[in-house]
């Protein structure tokens, strides 16, 4: 039982790290949208290619755009916090109960 508990706890830790990393990528992308970055820069290209698929899906489903502002990064950030608070914490509690 300890092995299964440790496996679930490790999954929760890795999932939390992945969510935090993606949060940093989305925040970096939002900050870059305020300036005019060089689109040939490899870091800029990486940030756009890593975040654009999810941000595009959110933009496609949003019924409105507030005064021309792109609110998709804010919605994605809320989603990341929700997944962290709900899914990661649920996995940690499940691992604690199995022990």
N, C-alpha and C. Protein backbone atom coordinates (compact mmCIF):
# COMPACT_ATOMS: atom_id res chain seq x y z
N UNK A 1 0.82 -1.20 0.00
CA UNK A 1 0.00 0.00 0.00
C UNK A 1 0.86 1.26 0.00
N UNK A 2 2.03 1.18 0.66
CA UNK A 2 2.89 2.35 0.70
C UNK A 2 3.40 2.72 -0.69
N UNK A 3 3.64 1.70 -1.50
CA UNK A 3 4.15 1.96 -2.85
C UNK A 3 3.10 2.69 -3.67
N UNK A 4 1.84 2.25 -3.60
CA UNK A 4 0.76 2.92 -4.33
C UNK A 4 0.54 4.33 -3.81
N UNK A 5 0.64 4.50 -2.51
CA UNK A 5 0.50 5.84 -1.91
C UNK A 5 1.61 6.77 -2.38
N UNK A 6 2.84 6.24 -2.41
CA UNK A 6 3.96 7.05 -2.87
C UNK A 6 3.85 7.38 -4.36
N UNK A 7 3.32 6.43 -5.14
CA UNK A 7 3.11 6.69 -6.56
C UNK A 7 2.11 7.82 -6.78
N UNK A 8 1.00 7.78 -6.08
CA UNK A 8 -0.01 8.84 -6.21
C UNK A 8 0.55 10.17 -5.74
N UNK A 9 1.30 10.16 -4.66
CA UNK A 9 1.91 11.40 -4.16
C UNK A 9 2.93 11.95 -5.17
N UNK A 10 3.71 11.07 -5.79
CA UNK A 10 4.68 11.51 -6.80
C UNK A 10 3.97 12.09 -8.03
N UNK A 11 2.86 11.48 -8.43
CA UNK A 11 2.09 12.01 -9.55
C UNK A 11 1.57 13.40 -9.21
N UNK A 12 1.10 13.57 -7.98
CA UNK A 12 0.60 14.89 -7.56
C UNK A 12 1.72 15.92 -7.58
N UNK A 13 2.90 15.55 -7.15
CA UNK A 13 4.03 16.49 -7.13
C UNK A 13 4.43 16.88 -8.55
N UNK A 14 4.54 15.90 -9.43
CA UNK A 14 4.93 16.18 -10.82
C UNK A 14 3.86 17.01 -11.51
N UNK A 15 2.59 16.67 -11.29
CA UNK A 15 1.51 17.44 -11.90
C UNK A 15 1.53 18.89 -11.41
N UNK A 16 1.78 19.09 -10.12
CA UNK A 16 1.89 20.45 -9.58
C UNK A 16 3.04 21.22 -10.21
N UNK A 17 4.16 20.54 -10.43
CA UNK A 17 5.31 21.19 -11.06
C UNK A 17 5.01 21.56 -12.50
N UNK A 18 4.34 20.67 -13.24
CA UNK A 18 3.99 20.95 -14.63
C UNK A 18 3.02 22.12 -14.71
N UNK A 19 2.05 22.15 -13.81
CA UNK A 19 1.10 23.27 -13.79
C UNK A 19 1.81 24.58 -13.48
N UNK A 20 2.73 24.57 -12.52
CA UNK A 20 3.48 25.79 -12.19
C UNK A 20 4.36 26.24 -13.35
N UNK A 21 4.97 25.30 -14.05
CA UNK A 21 5.79 25.66 -15.20
C UNK A 21 4.93 26.28 -16.30
N UNK A 22 3.77 25.67 -16.57
CA UNK A 22 2.90 26.23 -17.59
C UNK A 22 2.36 27.59 -17.17
N UNK A 23 2.13 27.78 -15.88
CA UNK A 23 1.71 29.09 -15.37
C UNK A 23 2.77 30.14 -15.68
N UNK A 24 4.02 29.81 -15.46
CA UNK A 24 5.11 30.74 -15.77
C UNK A 24 5.17 31.05 -17.26
N UNK A 25 4.95 30.03 -18.10
CA UNK A 25 4.95 30.26 -19.54
C UNK A 25 3.82 31.19 -19.96
N UNK A 26 2.63 31.01 -19.38
CA UNK A 26 1.50 31.87 -19.73
C UNK A 26 1.75 33.30 -19.25
N UNK A 27 2.28 33.45 -18.06
CA UNK A 27 2.58 34.80 -17.55
C UNK A 27 3.66 35.46 -18.41
N UNK A 28 4.69 34.71 -18.79
CA UNK A 28 5.71 35.25 -19.69
C UNK A 28 5.14 35.66 -21.02
N UNK A 29 4.23 34.85 -21.54
CA UNK A 29 3.57 35.19 -22.81
C UNK A 29 2.75 36.46 -22.67
N UNK A 30 2.03 36.61 -21.55
CA UNK A 30 1.21 37.80 -21.33
C UNK A 30 2.10 39.04 -21.23
N UNK A 31 3.21 38.92 -20.55
CA UNK A 31 4.13 40.06 -20.42
C UNK A 31 4.71 40.43 -21.78
N UNK A 32 5.04 39.42 -22.58
CA UNK A 32 5.57 39.70 -23.92
C UNK A 32 4.54 40.38 -24.82
N UNK A 33 3.26 40.14 -24.55
CA UNK A 33 2.23 40.77 -25.39
C UNK A 33 2.14 42.27 -25.14
N UNK A 34 2.70 42.74 -24.06
CA UNK A 34 2.67 44.18 -23.76
C UNK A 34 3.74 44.95 -24.52
N UNK A 35 4.77 44.24 -24.95
CA UNK A 35 5.87 44.87 -25.69
C UNK A 35 5.85 44.32 -27.11
N UNK A 36 6.73 44.79 -27.92
CA UNK A 36 6.82 44.29 -29.29
C UNK A 36 8.08 43.45 -29.42
N UNK A 37 8.00 42.15 -29.08
CA UNK A 37 9.20 41.31 -29.12
C UNK A 37 9.56 40.93 -30.56
N UNK A 38 10.80 40.57 -30.75
CA UNK A 38 11.26 40.10 -32.06
C UNK A 38 10.68 38.70 -32.29
N UNK A 39 9.84 38.51 -33.28
CA UNK A 39 9.22 37.19 -33.49
C UNK A 39 10.21 36.10 -33.92
N UNK A 40 11.42 36.49 -34.30
CA UNK A 40 12.43 35.49 -34.69
C UNK A 40 13.24 35.00 -33.50
N UNK A 41 13.07 35.64 -32.34
CA UNK A 41 13.78 35.23 -31.14
C UNK A 41 13.32 33.82 -30.74
N UNK A 42 14.26 32.91 -30.48
CA UNK A 42 13.86 31.53 -30.15
C UNK A 42 13.03 31.43 -28.87
N UNK A 43 13.29 32.29 -27.91
CA UNK A 43 12.51 32.25 -26.67
C UNK A 43 11.08 32.69 -26.93
N UNK A 44 10.91 33.73 -27.73
CA UNK A 44 9.58 34.21 -28.08
C UNK A 44 8.83 33.14 -28.87
N UNK A 45 9.51 32.52 -29.82
CA UNK A 45 8.87 31.46 -30.60
C UNK A 45 8.47 30.29 -29.72
N UNK A 46 9.32 29.92 -28.75
CA UNK A 46 8.99 28.83 -27.85
C UNK A 46 7.77 29.17 -26.99
N UNK A 47 7.76 30.39 -26.42
CA UNK A 47 6.62 30.78 -25.59
C UNK A 47 5.32 30.76 -26.39
N UNK A 48 5.37 31.26 -27.61
CA UNK A 48 4.16 31.27 -28.43
C UNK A 48 3.74 29.86 -28.82
N UNK A 49 4.68 29.02 -29.20
CA UNK A 49 4.30 27.66 -29.62
C UNK A 49 3.85 26.81 -28.43
N UNK A 50 4.34 27.09 -27.24
CA UNK A 50 3.94 26.31 -26.07
C UNK A 50 2.58 26.73 -25.53
N UNK A 51 2.23 27.99 -25.67
CA UNK A 51 0.99 28.48 -25.06
C UNK A 51 -0.14 28.72 -26.05
N UNK A 52 0.16 28.93 -27.30
CA UNK A 52 -0.87 29.30 -28.27
C UNK A 52 -1.96 28.25 -28.46
N UNK A 53 -1.66 26.95 -28.48
CA UNK A 53 -2.77 26.00 -28.67
C UNK A 53 -3.87 26.13 -27.62
N UNK A 54 -3.50 26.24 -26.36
CA UNK A 54 -4.51 26.37 -25.30
C UNK A 54 -5.16 27.75 -25.33
N UNK A 55 -4.36 28.79 -25.51
CA UNK A 55 -4.94 30.14 -25.55
C UNK A 55 -5.88 30.30 -26.74
N UNK A 56 -5.55 29.67 -27.86
CA UNK A 56 -6.43 29.75 -29.03
C UNK A 56 -7.77 29.07 -28.75
N UNK A 57 -7.73 27.92 -28.10
CA UNK A 57 -8.98 27.22 -27.76
C UNK A 57 -9.84 28.05 -26.81
N UNK A 58 -9.22 28.72 -25.86
CA UNK A 58 -9.97 29.56 -24.92
C UNK A 58 -10.56 30.76 -25.67
N UNK A 59 -9.76 31.39 -26.52
CA UNK A 59 -10.24 32.54 -27.30
C UNK A 59 -11.41 32.14 -28.20
N UNK A 60 -11.34 30.96 -28.77
CA UNK A 60 -12.39 30.48 -29.67
C UNK A 60 -13.71 30.29 -28.93
N UNK A 61 -13.66 29.93 -27.66
CA UNK A 61 -14.86 29.65 -26.88
C UNK A 61 -15.38 30.85 -26.09
N UNK A 62 -14.61 31.92 -26.04
CA UNK A 62 -15.05 33.10 -25.30
C UNK A 62 -16.11 33.84 -26.10
N UNK A 63 -17.23 34.18 -25.46
CA UNK A 63 -18.29 34.87 -26.20
C UNK A 63 -18.03 36.35 -26.42
N UNK A 64 -17.03 36.90 -25.75
CA UNK A 64 -16.81 38.34 -25.87
C UNK A 64 -15.33 38.65 -25.72
N UNK A 65 -14.97 39.84 -26.16
CA UNK A 65 -13.64 40.39 -25.93
C UNK A 65 -13.86 41.76 -25.31
N UNK A 66 -13.29 41.98 -24.15
CA UNK A 66 -13.52 43.22 -23.41
C UNK A 66 -12.61 44.32 -23.93
N UNK A 67 -13.18 45.27 -24.67
CA UNK A 67 -12.49 46.46 -25.15
C UNK A 67 -11.21 46.12 -25.91
N UNK A 68 -11.24 45.03 -26.65
CA UNK A 68 -10.08 44.65 -27.44
C UNK A 68 -8.98 43.97 -26.65
N UNK A 69 -9.19 43.71 -25.37
CA UNK A 69 -8.20 43.03 -24.54
C UNK A 69 -8.35 41.52 -24.68
N UNK A 70 -7.23 40.84 -24.74
CA UNK A 70 -7.23 39.38 -24.79
C UNK A 70 -7.26 38.87 -23.35
N UNK A 71 -8.38 38.32 -22.94
CA UNK A 71 -8.54 37.82 -21.58
C UNK A 71 -8.23 36.34 -21.45
N UNK A 72 -7.83 35.70 -22.53
CA UNK A 72 -7.57 34.27 -22.48
C UNK A 72 -6.45 33.88 -21.50
N UNK A 73 -5.35 34.65 -21.37
CA UNK A 73 -4.35 34.26 -20.38
C UNK A 73 -4.90 34.27 -18.95
N UNK A 74 -5.79 35.21 -18.64
CA UNK A 74 -6.37 35.27 -17.29
C UNK A 74 -7.23 34.04 -17.04
N UNK A 75 -8.01 33.65 -18.04
CA UNK A 75 -8.86 32.47 -17.88
C UNK A 75 -8.01 31.21 -17.73
N UNK A 76 -6.93 31.11 -18.49
CA UNK A 76 -6.03 29.96 -18.38
C UNK A 76 -5.36 29.94 -17.01
N UNK A 77 -4.97 31.10 -16.51
CA UNK A 77 -4.35 31.16 -15.18
C UNK A 77 -5.34 30.72 -14.11
N UNK A 78 -6.59 31.16 -14.20
CA UNK A 78 -7.62 30.69 -13.26
C UNK A 78 -7.78 29.18 -13.36
N UNK A 79 -7.77 28.65 -14.58
CA UNK A 79 -7.88 27.21 -14.76
C UNK A 79 -6.72 26.44 -14.14
N UNK A 80 -5.52 26.98 -14.27
CA UNK A 80 -4.35 26.34 -13.67
C UNK A 80 -4.47 26.34 -12.15
N UNK A 81 -4.89 27.46 -11.57
CA UNK A 81 -5.07 27.51 -10.11
C UNK A 81 -6.16 26.54 -9.66
N UNK A 82 -7.23 26.43 -10.45
CA UNK A 82 -8.29 25.49 -10.11
C UNK A 82 -7.77 24.05 -10.12
N UNK A 83 -7.04 23.69 -11.18
CA UNK A 83 -6.49 22.34 -11.25
C UNK A 83 -5.52 22.05 -10.12
N UNK A 84 -4.74 23.05 -9.75
CA UNK A 84 -3.80 22.88 -8.65
C UNK A 84 -4.55 22.67 -7.33
N UNK A 85 -5.55 23.50 -7.09
CA UNK A 85 -6.28 23.41 -5.83
C UNK A 85 -7.15 22.16 -5.77
N UNK A 86 -7.74 21.76 -6.89
CA UNK A 86 -8.66 20.63 -6.87
C UNK A 86 -7.95 19.30 -7.13
N UNK A 87 -7.31 19.18 -8.27
CA UNK A 87 -6.76 17.89 -8.68
C UNK A 87 -5.52 17.50 -7.89
N UNK A 88 -4.57 18.40 -7.79
CA UNK A 88 -3.32 18.08 -7.09
C UNK A 88 -3.60 17.83 -5.62
N UNK A 89 -4.40 18.67 -5.00
CA UNK A 89 -4.70 18.46 -3.58
C UNK A 89 -5.52 17.19 -3.35
N UNK A 90 -6.42 16.86 -4.28
CA UNK A 90 -7.18 15.61 -4.16
C UNK A 90 -6.26 14.41 -4.24
N UNK A 91 -5.28 14.45 -5.13
CA UNK A 91 -4.33 13.35 -5.23
C UNK A 91 -3.49 13.23 -3.96
N UNK A 92 -3.09 14.36 -3.40
CA UNK A 92 -2.31 14.32 -2.15
C UNK A 92 -3.13 13.76 -1.00
N UNK A 93 -4.39 14.15 -0.91
CA UNK A 93 -5.25 13.63 0.14
C UNK A 93 -5.51 12.15 -0.05
N UNK A 94 -5.68 11.73 -1.30
CA UNK A 94 -5.88 10.31 -1.57
C UNK A 94 -4.65 9.51 -1.16
N UNK A 95 -3.47 10.01 -1.46
CA UNK A 95 -2.24 9.35 -1.06
C UNK A 95 -2.11 9.26 0.46
N UNK A 96 -2.54 10.31 1.16
CA UNK A 96 -2.47 10.31 2.61
C UNK A 96 -3.46 9.31 3.22
N UNK A 97 -4.63 9.18 2.60
CA UNK A 97 -5.64 8.24 3.12
C UNK A 97 -5.26 6.79 2.88
N UNK A 98 -4.53 6.51 1.82
CA UNK A 98 -4.14 5.14 1.52
C UNK A 98 -3.14 4.62 2.54
N UNK A 99 -2.32 5.50 3.05
CA UNK A 99 -1.31 5.07 4.02
C UNK A 99 -2.00 4.56 5.21
